[in-house]
Amino acid sequence: MSVNLRPGESQDSLFKRFRKEIVKSRVLSIYRKKRWFVSDSEQRRLAKQRAIRKARRKLVRRQPHT
């Protein structure tokens, strides 16, 4: 990951742009996921839990507020 210093750009704004690029490329999230070994069955179980939670949230949002 690299960013080039623009003419007249401060170090703070350069660092801010660098951090945005890191977030956009998802480098940190991938690193955090790979920090520990998670078996395939555990990954499937977690994915299923996430899908259930997401579906529940969508259901709650669709209900009319009375």
N, C-alpha and C. Protein backbone atom coordinates (compact mmCIF):
# COMPACT_ATOMS: atom_id res chain seq x y z
N MET A 1 0.85 -1.16 0.00
CA MET A 1 0.00 0.00 0.00
C MET A 1 0.90 1.23 0.00
N SER A 2 0.64 2.15 -0.90
CA SER A 2 1.45 3.37 -0.90
C SER A 2 0.62 4.54 -1.41
N VAL A 3 0.94 5.70 -0.91
CA VAL A 3 0.36 6.95 -1.40
C VAL A 3 1.50 7.93 -1.62
N ASN A 4 1.38 8.76 -2.63
CA ASN A 4 2.43 9.73 -2.93
C ASN A 4 2.07 11.09 -2.37
N LEU A 5 3.06 11.76 -1.85
CA LEU A 5 2.87 13.09 -1.29
C LEU A 5 2.56 14.08 -2.41
N ARG A 6 1.43 14.75 -2.30
CA ARG A 6 1.05 15.74 -3.30
C ARG A 6 1.75 17.06 -3.00
N PRO A 7 1.97 17.89 -4.01
CA PRO A 7 2.64 19.18 -3.75
C PRO A 7 1.83 20.01 -2.77
N GLY A 8 2.49 20.48 -1.72
CA GLY A 8 1.86 21.34 -0.72
C GLY A 8 0.98 20.58 0.28
N GLU A 9 1.00 19.26 0.24
CA GLU A 9 0.16 18.47 1.16
C GLU A 9 0.88 18.28 2.49
N SER A 10 0.12 18.42 3.58
CA SER A 10 0.72 18.23 4.90
C SER A 10 0.85 16.74 5.22
N GLN A 11 1.66 16.44 6.22
CA GLN A 11 1.87 15.06 6.64
C GLN A 11 0.57 14.47 7.20
N ASP A 12 -0.22 15.32 7.88
CA ASP A 12 -1.48 14.84 8.45
C ASP A 12 -2.46 14.39 7.37
N SER A 13 -2.61 15.19 6.32
CA SER A 13 -3.55 14.81 5.27
C SER A 13 -3.03 13.60 4.48
N LEU A 14 -1.72 13.50 4.34
CA LEU A 14 -1.13 12.33 3.69
C LEU A 14 -1.45 11.07 4.50
N PHE A 15 -1.27 11.15 5.81
CA PHE A 15 -1.56 10.01 6.68
C PHE A 15 -3.04 9.65 6.64
N LYS A 16 -3.90 10.68 6.60
CA LYS A 16 -5.34 10.46 6.53
C LYS A 16 -5.71 9.74 5.23
N ARG A 17 -5.11 10.15 4.12
CA ARG A 17 -5.35 9.50 2.83
C ARG A 17 -4.87 8.05 2.85
N PHE A 18 -3.72 7.83 3.47
CA PHE A 18 -3.16 6.48 3.59
C PHE A 18 -4.10 5.57 4.37
N ARG A 19 -4.61 6.06 5.49
CA ARG A 19 -5.54 5.28 6.31
C ARG A 19 -6.81 4.95 5.53
N LYS A 20 -7.31 5.90 4.74
CA LYS A 20 -8.50 5.65 3.93
C LYS A 20 -8.24 4.56 2.90
N GLU A 21 -7.06 4.57 2.29
CA GLU A 21 -6.70 3.55 1.32
C GLU A 21 -6.62 2.17 1.98
N ILE A 22 -6.08 2.13 3.19
CA ILE A 22 -5.98 0.87 3.93
C ILE A 22 -7.38 0.31 4.18
N VAL A 23 -8.29 1.17 4.63
CA VAL A 23 -9.65 0.73 4.90
C VAL A 23 -10.33 0.27 3.62
N LYS A 24 -10.13 1.01 2.55
CA LYS A 24 -10.76 0.69 1.27
C LYS A 24 -10.26 -0.65 0.72
N SER A 25 -9.00 -0.94 0.90
CA SER A 25 -8.45 -2.19 0.39
C SER A 25 -8.71 -3.37 1.32
N ARG A 26 -9.28 -3.12 2.50
CA ARG A 26 -9.64 -4.15 3.48
C ARG A 26 -8.44 -4.95 3.97
N VAL A 27 -7.27 -4.36 3.98
CA VAL A 27 -6.06 -5.06 4.42
C VAL A 27 -6.17 -5.44 5.90
N LEU A 28 -6.60 -4.52 6.73
CA LEU A 28 -6.66 -4.80 8.17
C LEU A 28 -7.71 -5.83 8.51
N SER A 29 -8.88 -5.78 7.86
CA SER A 29 -9.92 -6.75 8.18
C SER A 29 -9.49 -8.16 7.78
N ILE A 30 -8.81 -8.28 6.65
CA ILE A 30 -8.31 -9.59 6.22
C ILE A 30 -7.25 -10.08 7.20
N TYR A 31 -6.37 -9.19 7.62
CA TYR A 31 -5.33 -9.56 8.59
C TYR A 31 -5.96 -10.05 9.89
N ARG A 32 -6.96 -9.33 10.37
CA ARG A 32 -7.60 -9.70 11.64
C ARG A 32 -8.30 -11.05 11.52
N LYS A 33 -8.91 -11.32 10.37
CA LYS A 33 -9.59 -12.60 10.19
C LYS A 33 -8.59 -13.75 10.15
N LYS A 34 -7.43 -13.53 9.60
CA LYS A 34 -6.44 -14.60 9.45
C LYS A 34 -5.52 -14.73 10.66
N ARG A 35 -5.74 -13.91 11.68
CA ARG A 35 -4.87 -13.96 12.84
C ARG A 35 -5.00 -15.29 13.59
N TRP A 36 -6.22 -15.86 13.61
CA TRP A 36 -6.45 -17.14 14.27
C TRP A 36 -6.99 -18.14 13.26
N PHE A 37 -6.67 -19.40 13.47
CA PHE A 37 -7.19 -20.44 12.60
C PHE A 37 -8.63 -20.74 12.99
N VAL A 38 -9.51 -20.77 12.00
CA VAL A 38 -10.91 -21.12 12.22
C VAL A 38 -11.24 -22.24 11.24
N SER A 39 -11.71 -23.35 11.78
CA SER A 39 -12.00 -24.51 10.93
C SER A 39 -13.15 -24.19 9.98
N ASP A 40 -13.26 -25.00 8.93
CA ASP A 40 -14.31 -24.79 7.93
C ASP A 40 -15.70 -24.89 8.55
N SER A 41 -15.89 -25.87 9.42
CA SER A 41 -17.20 -26.04 10.04
C SER A 41 -17.55 -24.83 10.92
N GLU A 42 -16.55 -24.30 11.59
CA GLU A 42 -16.76 -23.11 12.43
C GLU A 42 -17.10 -21.90 11.55
N GLN A 43 -16.44 -21.76 10.41
CA GLN A 43 -16.73 -20.67 9.49
C GLN A 43 -18.16 -20.76 8.97
N ARG A 44 -18.59 -21.97 8.63
CA ARG A 44 -19.97 -22.16 8.16
C ARG A 44 -20.97 -21.82 9.25
N ARG A 45 -20.68 -22.24 10.48
CA ARG A 45 -21.58 -21.95 11.60
C ARG A 45 -21.70 -20.45 11.84
N LEU A 46 -20.56 -19.76 11.81
CA LEU A 46 -20.57 -18.31 12.00
C LEU A 46 -21.29 -17.60 10.87
N ALA A 47 -21.09 -18.07 9.63
CA ALA A 47 -21.77 -17.46 8.49
C ALA A 47 -23.28 -17.64 8.61
N LYS A 48 -23.70 -18.80 9.07
CA LYS A 48 -25.13 -19.06 9.25
C LYS A 48 -25.71 -18.14 10.33
N GLN A 49 -24.97 -17.96 11.42
CA GLN A 49 -25.42 -17.06 12.49
C GLN A 49 -25.54 -15.63 11.97
N ARG A 50 -24.55 -15.19 11.18
CA ARG A 50 -24.59 -13.84 10.61
C ARG A 50 -25.81 -13.67 9.70
N ALA A 51 -26.09 -14.68 8.88
CA ALA A 51 -27.22 -14.61 7.96
C ALA A 51 -28.54 -14.53 8.72
N ILE A 52 -28.67 -15.30 9.79
CA ILE A 52 -29.89 -15.26 10.61
C ILE A 52 -30.05 -13.89 11.24
N ARG A 53 -28.98 -13.35 11.79
CA ARG A 53 -29.03 -12.03 12.43
C ARG A 53 -29.39 -10.95 11.42
N LYS A 54 -28.81 -11.04 10.22
CA LYS A 54 -29.09 -10.06 9.17
C LYS A 54 -30.55 -10.14 8.72
N ALA A 55 -31.08 -11.37 8.56
CA ALA A 55 -32.46 -11.54 8.16
C ALA A 55 -33.41 -11.00 9.23
N ARG A 56 -33.07 -11.21 10.49
CA ARG A 56 -33.88 -10.69 11.58
C ARG A 56 -33.93 -9.18 11.57
N ARG A 57 -32.78 -8.55 11.33
CA ARG A 57 -32.72 -7.08 11.26
C ARG A 57 -33.57 -6.55 10.12
N LYS A 58 -33.49 -7.20 8.95
CA LYS A 58 -34.28 -6.77 7.80
C LYS A 58 -35.76 -6.89 8.09
N LEU A 59 -36.16 -7.96 8.78
CA LEU A 59 -37.55 -8.17 9.12
C LEU A 59 -38.05 -7.08 10.04
N VAL A 60 -37.25 -6.69 11.01
CA VAL A 60 -37.64 -5.65 11.96
C VAL A 60 -37.76 -4.31 11.24
N ARG A 61 -36.88 -4.02 10.31
CA ARG A 61 -36.91 -2.76 9.60
C ARG A 61 -38.12 -2.63 8.67
N ARG A 62 -38.60 -3.77 8.14
CA ARG A 62 -39.72 -3.73 7.20
C ARG A 62 -41.06 -3.55 7.90
N GLN A 63 -41.16 -3.87 9.17
CA GLN A 63 -42.43 -3.75 9.87
C GLN A 63 -42.80 -2.28 10.03
N PRO A 64 -44.06 -1.91 9.79
CA PRO A 64 -44.47 -0.50 9.93
C PRO A 64 -44.45 -0.09 11.39
N HIS A 65 -44.05 1.13 11.61
CA HIS A 65 -44.02 1.68 12.98
C HIS A 65 -45.40 2.18 13.33
N THR A 66 -45.97 1.66 14.40
CA THR A 66 -47.31 2.10 14.80
C THR A 66 -47.29 2.75 16.14
